[in-house]
Amino acid sequence: MGIPGMKTFLSENQAIAPINVSEVLEQYKRNNPNKKPLIVIDFPNFCNGILKRFSEFIYGGRHFQMQQYFELIMEKFLGCDLVFFTDCNIQDGKRAEWLNRRNQDFGRYQNLYRSIEESITSNALMGIVPDMTLRSVCFEIERLAPKFGQFYYSYKRECDVEIARYAMENNALAVISSDTDFVIFPGQWKLWAGEFSLDNSGSIITTEYNRNALTNLLSLSHDQLPLFATLLGNDFTKRFSRQLVRKFGYGLESKINVSNYVRNLNSAFFSDLDLVRITQDIFGYTNRELQQIFRQSLDFYDIDSPMHIWIDANSLYPFADQLSGTAIYPTYLMIMSKVQCISMGYYDMLQGGRGNRNLPRVLIEWMKRKKGVLHNDDATYTFYILAKTDYNRDFQEYRERPVYPPSRCSSMQ
């Protein structure tokens, strides 16, 4: 996730280094005796870090081991204020990237099950799928996390933006995430990777991204980094990676060429007319979609941008405040989201039915009816469903309307 090649670039330039988190926390407490260190955690990314550590979980049934490890790590943060954030929706500008990732995942699982059918050994299997596992093991962690700190579901803004904004406004010591987008966000907090290990003394070890090193390495101001990330192919512009590679090259060459390009623009703030010129220069053509994608990408890293209030929370989530803290709260937020996702995996699709009996199609109809119950009877309302409706088709985007109850219901207000 994040910016392609950024972790490698920082590593090759000694801007990523191992860090003893336990020692940093103790030092902070000594220097600030009346203040707890605030740590803000990208929960989905943190789960991925744990999953990568236990590749044998691919076989399933290891929820208890995952729970134990999570609790062990959390106990090392006793005396800290922990705040977890997780997504409840997908931003409009990232729909294409979600589809691309699900198609890649499906292909990887295809290879996995093909290998199993060919009776591959367990050790060889771990070499093929070192970072794949059953994601259901994260459900138990999500249930446990509120025992150790505050747990927020992001629905008013993109989760990454919520994290960066919260960290800066509350003077956090660190953000825990391996998402390299956090190298671009403003703020004085540290960035620690979500993959942890314990040394012989029981101290937590991870890696720290030197967020201040990037501007020095590239000779760019911090305000110029959003365009730099955009031109490298972040989650917004990755769909244009071929054109960007043709313009700027691969690997280290691309970092140098993009930084030179951004520096020569001699600006960090771009008007709509500037984006017309930039997209025309890079792609040889321009249109409203390109300009809008570039604007969304640039504004994404501006945590004060009005774009981050990208929903009318009161009208689209009228019961959010009343349901907050209840078991149904995250389900309600996901159902009310403008973008619905059905991430059916290879195993689910392999034995799937055809036509109307196809499970993804049944789920799509079910979602349309759930939408119809919760939304007012608005004939103009539409929403997106991202799904794979057939084994031989890619994940695609479908624009749908709710199916309202046949008889008019009384107002849920």
Protein backbone atom coordinates (compact mmCIF):
# COMPACT_ATOMS: atom_id res chain seq x y z
CA MET A 1 0.00 0.00 0.00
CA GLY A 2 1.04 3.57 -0.43
CA ILE A 3 3.70 4.75 -2.85
CA PRO A 4 5.40 2.19 -5.14
CA GLY A 5 9.08 1.68 -4.38
CA MET A 6 9.15 4.19 -1.52
CA LYS A 7 10.16 1.69 1.15
CA THR A 8 13.03 0.41 -1.01
CA PHE A 9 14.14 3.95 -1.80
CA LEU A 10 14.20 4.96 1.85
CA SER A 11 15.96 1.76 2.85
CA GLU A 12 18.69 2.17 0.23
CA ASN A 13 19.27 5.70 1.52
CA GLN A 14 19.48 4.68 5.20
CA ALA A 15 16.18 6.41 5.99
CA ILE A 16 14.72 3.22 7.51
CA ALA A 17 16.38 1.73 10.57
CA PRO A 18 15.58 -0.80 13.33
CA ILE A 19 14.30 0.75 16.54
CA ASN A 20 13.76 -0.54 20.05
CA VAL A 21 10.25 0.77 20.72
CA SER A 22 10.35 -0.20 24.40
CA GLU A 23 13.44 1.98 24.96
CA VAL A 24 11.86 4.94 23.11
CA LEU A 25 8.72 4.68 25.24
CA GLU A 26 10.71 4.53 28.48
CA GLN A 27 12.80 7.52 27.43
CA TYR A 28 9.64 9.48 26.60
CA LYS A 29 8.12 8.68 30.00
CA ARG A 30 11.30 9.82 31.79
CA ASN A 31 11.32 13.09 29.85
CA ASN A 32 7.56 13.62 30.27
CA PRO A 33 6.70 12.22 33.72
CA ASN A 34 3.18 13.66 33.75
CA LYS A 35 2.23 12.67 30.21
CA LYS A 36 1.46 9.34 28.58
CA PRO A 37 2.88 8.73 25.09
CA LEU A 38 0.09 8.74 22.50
CA ILE A 39 0.35 6.04 19.82
CA VAL A 40 -2.06 6.07 16.86
CA ILE A 41 -2.49 2.71 15.12
CA ASP A 42 -3.55 1.96 11.55
CA PHE A 43 -5.52 -1.14 12.57
CA PRO A 44 -5.88 -2.95 9.19
CA ASN A 45 -2.18 -2.41 8.45
CA PHE A 46 -1.25 -3.55 11.95
CA CYS A 47 -3.24 -6.77 11.42
CA ASN A 48 -1.42 -7.38 8.15
CA GLY A 49 1.87 -7.08 10.03
CA ILE A 50 0.81 -9.79 12.46
CA LEU A 51 -0.48 -12.03 9.69
CA LYS A 52 2.82 -11.85 7.82
CA ARG A 53 4.57 -13.08 10.94
CA PHE A 54 2.52 -16.27 11.03
CA SER A 55 2.39 -17.65 7.51
CA GLU A 56 1.27 -21.05 8.83
CA PHE A 57 -2.10 -19.46 9.65
CA ILE A 58 -2.94 -20.12 6.00
CA TYR A 59 -4.12 -23.54 7.19
CA GLY A 60 -6.74 -21.96 9.47
CA GLY A 61 -7.83 -22.68 13.03
CA ARG A 62 -5.11 -20.56 14.68
CA HIS A 63 -7.26 -17.78 16.10
CA PHE A 64 -6.15 -18.40 19.66
CA GLN A 65 -2.45 -18.07 18.76
CA MET A 66 -3.16 -14.81 16.94
CA GLN A 67 -5.08 -13.51 19.95
CA GLN A 68 -2.22 -14.40 22.31
CA TYR A 69 0.37 -12.66 20.16
CA PHE A 70 -1.78 -9.52 19.82
CA GLU A 71 -2.29 -9.34 23.58
CA LEU A 72 1.44 -9.89 24.18
CA ILE A 73 2.33 -6.94 21.93
CA MET A 74 -0.36 -4.72 23.44
CA GLU A 75 0.88 -5.41 26.97
CA LYS A 76 4.23 -3.92 25.93
CA PHE A 77 2.38 -0.62 25.41
CA LEU A 78 0.97 -0.44 28.94
CA GLY A 79 1.26 3.11 30.19
CA CYS A 80 0.56 4.51 26.71
CA ASP A 81 -2.61 5.98 25.25
CA LEU A 82 -3.47 3.81 22.24
CA VAL A 83 -5.92 4.90 19.56
CA PHE A 84 -6.95 2.52 16.76
CA PHE A 85 -8.49 3.57 13.45
CA THR A 86 -10.05 1.35 10.80
CA ASP A 87 -11.92 2.00 7.55
CA CYS A 88 -15.63 1.55 7.04
CA ASN A 89 -15.75 2.67 3.43
CA ILE A 90 -13.74 3.20 0.25
CA GLN A 91 -13.12 6.65 -1.13
CA ASP A 92 -14.50 7.22 -4.63
CA GLY A 93 -11.05 7.95 -6.02
CA LYS A 94 -9.73 4.57 -4.85
CA ARG A 95 -12.37 2.29 -6.36
CA ALA A 96 -10.16 1.36 -9.31
CA GLU A 97 -7.25 0.46 -7.05
CA TRP A 98 -9.50 -1.73 -4.85
CA LEU A 99 -10.63 -3.65 -7.95
CA ASN A 100 -7.05 -4.09 -9.12
CA ARG A 101 -5.90 -5.44 -5.74
CA ARG A 102 -8.77 -7.92 -5.50
CA ASN A 103 -7.97 -9.23 -8.98
CA GLN A 104 -4.34 -9.68 -7.95
CA ASP A 105 -5.38 -11.47 -4.75
CA PHE A 106 -7.68 -13.78 -6.68
CA GLY A 107 -4.82 -14.75 -9.00
CA ARG A 108 -2.55 -15.47 -6.06
CA TYR A 109 -5.12 -17.71 -4.45
CA GLN A 110 -5.61 -19.46 -7.76
CA ASN A 111 -1.92 -20.35 -7.67
CA LEU A 112 -2.21 -21.40 -4.03
CA TYR A 113 -5.05 -23.87 -4.58
CA ARG A 114 -3.45 -25.17 -7.77
CA SER A 115 -0.32 -25.92 -5.76
CA ILE A 116 -2.35 -27.70 -3.08
CA GLU A 117 -4.05 -29.84 -5.75
CA GLU A 118 -0.59 -30.78 -7.03
CA SER A 119 0.28 -32.05 -3.52
CA ILE A 120 3.01 -29.49 -2.88
CA THR A 121 4.77 -29.87 0.48
CA SER A 122 4.00 -27.54 3.38
CA ASN A 123 7.48 -25.98 3.38
CA ALA A 124 7.32 -25.29 -0.35
CA LEU A 125 3.84 -23.84 0.06
CA MET A 126 5.11 -21.32 2.61
CA GLY A 127 7.68 -20.18 0.06
CA ILE A 128 4.97 -19.52 -2.50
CA VAL A 129 2.60 -17.63 -0.20
CA PRO A 130 4.74 -16.04 2.54
CA ASP A 131 2.26 -13.25 3.31
CA MET A 132 -1.10 -14.93 2.71
CA THR A 133 -3.37 -16.21 5.45
CA LEU A 134 -6.98 -16.39 6.54
CA ARG A 135 -8.02 -12.83 7.26
CA SER A 136 -10.85 -14.02 9.49
CA VAL A 137 -8.30 -14.23 12.30
CA CYS A 138 -8.45 -10.41 12.42
CA PHE A 139 -12.05 -10.43 13.64
CA GLU A 140 -11.03 -11.55 17.11
CA ILE A 141 -8.33 -8.88 17.27
CA GLU A 142 -10.88 -6.21 16.37
CA ARG A 143 -13.04 -7.42 19.25
CA LEU A 144 -10.11 -7.30 21.67
CA ALA A 145 -8.55 -3.99 20.60
CA PRO A 146 -10.95 -1.72 22.58
CA LYS A 147 -9.65 -3.34 25.79
CA PHE A 148 -6.31 -1.61 25.16
CA GLY A 149 -7.37 1.76 23.78
CA GLN A 150 -9.93 3.81 21.90
CA PHE A 151 -11.20 2.25 18.66
CA TYR A 152 -12.59 4.47 15.90
CA TYR A 153 -14.35 3.53 12.66
CA SER A 154 -13.53 6.11 9.99
CA TYR A 155 -16.51 7.09 7.89
CA LYS A 156 -16.44 10.88 7.66
CA ARG A 157 -12.94 10.91 6.17
CA GLU A 158 -10.43 8.51 4.67
CA CYS A 159 -8.89 6.41 7.45
CA ASP A 160 -5.30 7.46 6.67
CA VAL A 161 -6.31 11.11 6.85
CA GLU A 162 -8.11 10.56 10.16
CA ILE A 163 -4.95 8.98 11.57
CA ALA A 164 -2.61 11.73 10.35
CA ARG A 165 -4.98 14.46 11.49
CA TYR A 166 -5.52 12.92 14.92
CA ALA A 167 -1.78 12.36 15.39
CA MET A 168 -0.94 15.97 14.55
CA GLU A 169 -3.77 17.59 16.51
CA ASN A 170 -3.08 15.51 19.63
CA ASN A 171 0.71 15.65 19.54
CA ALA A 172 1.15 11.90 19.12
CA LEU A 173 4.54 10.35 19.66
CA ALA A 174 4.12 7.90 16.78
CA VAL A 175 1.86 6.41 14.15
CA ILE A 176 2.08 2.64 13.63
CA SER A 177 1.68 1.70 9.97
CA SER A 178 3.74 0.36 7.08
CA ASP A 179 1.72 2.42 4.60
CA THR A 180 4.24 4.75 2.95
CA ASP A 181 1.58 7.42 2.38
CA PHE A 182 2.31 8.41 5.98
CA VAL A 183 5.78 9.57 4.91
CA ILE A 184 4.04 12.32 2.91
CA PHE A 185 1.54 13.56 5.51
CA PRO A 186 2.54 16.58 7.63
CA GLY A 187 3.28 16.34 11.34
CA GLN A 188 6.14 15.82 13.80
CA TRP A 189 5.16 12.30 14.88
CA LYS A 190 7.36 9.27 14.27
CA LEU A 191 6.36 6.52 11.84
CA TRP A 192 6.86 2.94 13.03
CA ALA A 193 6.23 -0.09 10.83
CA GLY A 194 3.44 -2.44 11.87
CA GLU A 195 5.63 -5.57 11.86
CA PHE A 196 6.95 -6.22 15.38
CA SER A 197 9.30 -8.73 16.94
CA LEU A 198 10.56 -9.30 20.48
CA ASP A 199 14.25 -9.45 21.36
CA ASN A 200 15.74 -11.69 24.06
CA SER A 201 14.90 -9.16 26.76
CA GLY A 202 11.26 -8.94 25.68
CA SER A 203 11.58 -5.46 24.15
CA ILE A 204 9.54 -4.56 21.06
CA ILE A 205 11.60 -4.17 17.89
CA THR A 206 10.36 -2.67 14.62
CA THR A 207 11.62 -0.30 11.94
CA GLU A 208 11.23 3.48 11.87
CA TYR A 209 10.77 5.52 8.71
CA ASN A 210 12.72 8.77 8.85
CA ARG A 211 9.98 11.08 7.62
CA ASN A 212 12.26 14.11 7.58
CA ALA A 213 14.88 12.45 5.38
CA LEU A 214 12.77 12.41 2.22
CA THR A 215 12.80 16.16 1.62
CA ASN A 216 16.59 16.24 2.02
CA LEU A 217 17.11 13.26 -0.27
CA LEU A 218 14.93 14.77 -3.00
CA SER A 219 15.75 18.47 -2.45
CA LEU A 220 12.02 19.18 -2.27
CA SER A 221 9.95 21.07 0.25
CA HIS A 222 7.41 19.09 2.26
CA ASP A 223 4.61 20.85 0.40
CA GLN A 224 5.97 19.46 -2.89
CA LEU A 225 5.82 15.82 -1.73
CA PRO A 226 2.10 15.26 -2.59
CA LEU A 227 2.76 15.83 -6.30
CA PHE A 228 5.89 13.67 -6.04
CA ALA A 229 3.79 10.81 -4.60
CA THR A 230 1.10 11.34 -7.23
CA LEU A 231 3.55 11.05 -10.11
CA LEU A 232 5.09 7.86 -8.70
CA GLY A 233 1.70 6.13 -8.90
CA ASN A 234 -0.01 6.17 -5.50
CA ASP A 235 -3.42 4.58 -4.87
CA PHE A 236 -5.08 7.30 -6.95
CA THR A 237 -2.79 7.23 -9.99
CA LYS A 238 -1.56 3.62 -10.02
CA ARG A 239 -3.94 2.83 -12.87
CA PHE A 240 -1.75 5.11 -15.03
CA SER A 241 1.50 3.41 -14.04
CA ARG A 242 2.45 2.50 -17.61
CA GLN A 243 2.20 6.09 -18.80
CA LEU A 244 4.06 7.33 -15.73
CA VAL A 245 6.85 4.79 -16.27
CA ARG A 246 7.19 5.88 -19.90
CA LYS A 247 7.56 9.47 -18.73
CA PHE A 248 9.77 9.00 -15.66
CA GLY A 249 11.31 5.50 -15.83
CA TYR A 250 11.60 2.72 -13.23
CA GLY A 251 13.02 2.36 -9.72
CA LEU A 252 15.58 4.88 -8.56
CA GLU A 253 15.52 6.56 -11.97
CA SER A 254 11.84 7.39 -11.51
CA LYS A 255 12.46 8.95 -8.07
CA ILE A 256 15.19 11.19 -9.49
CA ASN A 257 13.22 12.15 -12.60
CA VAL A 258 10.00 12.83 -10.72
CA SER A 259 11.76 14.92 -8.07
CA ASN A 260 13.49 16.94 -10.82
CA TYR A 261 10.16 17.44 -12.59
CA VAL A 262 8.41 18.61 -9.41
CA ARG A 263 11.30 20.87 -8.42
CA ASN A 264 11.35 22.54 -11.84
CA LEU A 265 7.68 23.45 -11.52
CA ASN A 266 8.86 25.80 -8.77
CA SER A 267 5.56 25.58 -6.93
CA ALA A 268 3.86 23.48 -4.27
CA PHE A 269 0.29 24.63 -4.81
CA PHE A 270 -1.48 23.98 -8.08
CA SER A 271 -4.56 25.59 -9.58
CA ASP A 272 -6.95 23.72 -11.84
CA LEU A 273 -5.22 25.32 -14.82
CA ASP A 274 -1.85 24.07 -13.54
CA LEU A 275 -3.24 20.51 -13.46
CA VAL A 276 -4.46 20.88 -17.03
CA ARG A 277 -0.92 21.74 -18.09
CA ILE A 278 0.73 19.05 -15.97
CA THR A 279 -1.52 16.22 -17.15
CA GLN A 280 -1.20 17.37 -20.76
CA ASP A 281 2.59 17.38 -20.47
CA ILE A 282 2.78 13.94 -18.84
CA PHE A 283 0.14 12.01 -20.79
CA GLY A 284 0.07 13.91 -24.06
CA TYR A 285 -3.62 14.60 -23.50
CA THR A 286 -5.87 15.78 -20.71
CA ASN A 287 -9.48 15.47 -19.66
CA ARG A 288 -11.67 16.14 -16.65
CA GLU A 289 -11.20 12.65 -15.20
CA LEU A 290 -7.39 12.96 -15.19
CA GLN A 291 -7.51 16.41 -13.66
CA GLN A 292 -9.98 15.27 -11.01
CA ILE A 293 -7.83 12.27 -10.07
CA PHE A 294 -4.75 14.47 -9.70
CA ARG A 295 -6.73 16.94 -7.59
CA GLN A 296 -8.02 14.16 -5.35
CA SER A 297 -4.50 12.80 -4.92
CA LEU A 298 -2.99 16.18 -4.03
CA ASP A 299 -5.79 17.06 -1.63
CA PHE A 300 -5.57 13.63 -0.01
CA TYR A 301 -2.30 14.60 1.71
CA ASP A 302 -3.67 17.97 2.87
CA ILE A 303 -5.35 17.00 6.13
CA ASP A 304 -7.09 20.41 6.29
CA SER A 305 -8.54 20.15 2.79
CA PRO A 306 -12.33 20.53 2.50
CA MET A 307 -12.30 17.36 0.35
CA HIS A 308 -11.88 15.30 3.49
CA ILE A 309 -15.37 16.23 4.58
CA TRP A 310 -16.45 14.25 1.53
CA ILE A 311 -19.82 13.24 2.91
CA ASP A 312 -22.70 14.98 4.62
CA ALA A 313 -22.46 12.77 7.71
CA ASN A 314 -25.80 13.87 9.17
CA SER A 315 -27.80 13.05 6.05
CA LEU A 316 -25.94 9.91 4.90
CA TYR A 317 -25.39 8.42 8.37
CA PRO A 318 -28.39 9.74 10.36
CA PHE A 319 -28.12 7.15 13.16
CA ALA A 320 -24.34 7.05 13.54
CA ASP A 321 -24.30 8.93 16.83
CA GLN A 322 -27.12 6.86 18.33
CA LEU A 323 -25.53 3.54 17.32
CA SER A 324 -21.98 4.44 18.32
CA GLY A 325 -20.66 1.95 20.83
CA THR A 326 -23.15 -0.76 19.90
CA ALA A 327 -22.37 -4.06 18.18
CA ILE A 328 -24.28 -3.01 15.07
CA TYR A 329 -22.37 0.28 14.64
CA PRO A 330 -19.67 -0.85 12.13
CA THR A 331 -22.23 -2.87 10.15
CA TYR A 332 -24.50 0.15 9.92
CA LEU A 333 -21.66 2.38 8.70
CA MET A 334 -20.65 -0.12 6.02
CA ILE A 335 -24.20 -0.61 4.75
CA MET A 336 -24.74 3.14 4.50
CA SER A 337 -21.50 3.70 2.59
CA LYS A 338 -21.74 4.90 -1.00
CA VAL A 339 -19.37 2.09 -2.07
CA GLN A 340 -20.17 -1.53 -1.19
CA CYS A 341 -17.62 -4.33 -1.64
CA ILE A 342 -17.95 -8.08 -2.09
CA SER A 343 -14.44 -9.50 -1.87
CA MET A 344 -15.22 -13.10 -2.75
CA GLY A 345 -12.05 -15.17 -2.81
CA TYR A 346 -10.97 -18.01 -5.07
CA TYR A 347 -12.32 -20.75 -2.81
CA ASP A 348 -15.74 -19.10 -2.61
CA MET A 349 -16.00 -18.68 -6.37
CA LEU A 350 -14.65 -22.07 -7.42
CA GLN A 351 -17.87 -23.95 -6.64
CA GLY A 352 -20.16 -20.99 -7.23
CA GLY A 353 -23.48 -21.44 -8.97
CA ARG A 354 -24.47 -19.91 -12.27
CA GLY A 355 -27.07 -17.33 -13.17
CA ASN A 356 -29.43 -16.25 -10.40
CA ARG A 357 -28.03 -18.89 -8.02
CA ASN A 358 -24.57 -17.33 -8.16
CA LEU A 359 -23.65 -16.24 -4.61
CA PRO A 360 -22.16 -12.80 -5.49
CA ARG A 361 -25.31 -11.95 -7.46
CA VAL A 362 -27.45 -13.02 -4.50
CA LEU A 363 -25.34 -10.79 -2.23
CA ILE A 364 -25.73 -7.86 -4.63
CA GLU A 365 -29.52 -8.21 -4.50
CA TRP A 366 -29.32 -8.53 -0.71
CA MET A 367 -27.26 -5.32 -0.48
CA LYS A 368 -29.76 -3.48 -2.66
CA ARG A 369 -32.55 -4.49 -0.29
CA LYS A 370 -30.59 -3.53 2.83
CA LYS A 371 -29.98 -0.16 1.24
CA GLY A 372 -33.69 0.15 0.51
CA VAL A 373 -34.62 -0.45 4.14
CA LEU A 374 -32.14 2.06 5.61
CA HIS A 375 -32.40 4.83 3.01
CA ASN A 376 -35.35 7.05 2.43
CA ASP A 377 -37.37 6.32 -0.70
CA ASP A 378 -35.20 8.45 -2.99
CA ALA A 379 -35.60 7.53 -6.65
CA THR A 380 -32.43 9.43 -7.58
CA TYR A 381 -30.09 7.67 -5.12
CA THR A 382 -27.46 5.34 -6.58
CA PHE A 383 -24.45 3.58 -5.10
CA TYR A 384 -21.53 1.40 -6.25
CA ILE A 385 -20.99 -2.30 -5.71
CA LEU A 386 -17.50 -3.67 -6.37
CA ALA A 387 -17.72 -7.40 -6.97
CA LYS A 388 -16.67 -10.45 -8.96
CA THR A 389 -19.87 -11.99 -10.27
CA ASP A 390 -18.38 -14.93 -12.12
CA TYR A 391 -15.31 -17.12 -11.77
CA ASN A 392 -14.12 -16.17 -15.28
CA ARG A 393 -14.63 -12.43 -14.87
CA ASP A 394 -12.53 -9.81 -13.14
CA PHE A 395 -13.80 -7.79 -10.21
CA GLN A 396 -15.88 -4.98 -11.65
CA GLU A 397 -17.81 -1.91 -10.62
CA TYR A 398 -21.61 -1.88 -10.76
CA ARG A 399 -23.78 1.16 -10.23
CA GLU A 400 -27.03 0.16 -8.55
CA ARG A 401 -30.20 1.56 -7.05
CA PRO A 402 -31.72 0.40 -3.76
CA VAL A 403 -34.66 -2.00 -3.80
CA TYR A 404 -37.21 -0.40 -1.50
CA PRO A 405 -39.75 -2.39 0.54
CA PRO A 406 -42.96 -3.14 -1.44
CA SER A 407 -45.12 -1.31 1.09
CA ARG A 408 -44.23 2.05 2.49
CA CYS A 409 -42.58 1.83 5.93
CA SER A 410 -42.97 4.35 8.70
CA SER A 411 -40.07 6.74 9.09
CA MET A 412 -37.08 5.31 10.96
CA GLN A 413 -36.68 8.69 12.60
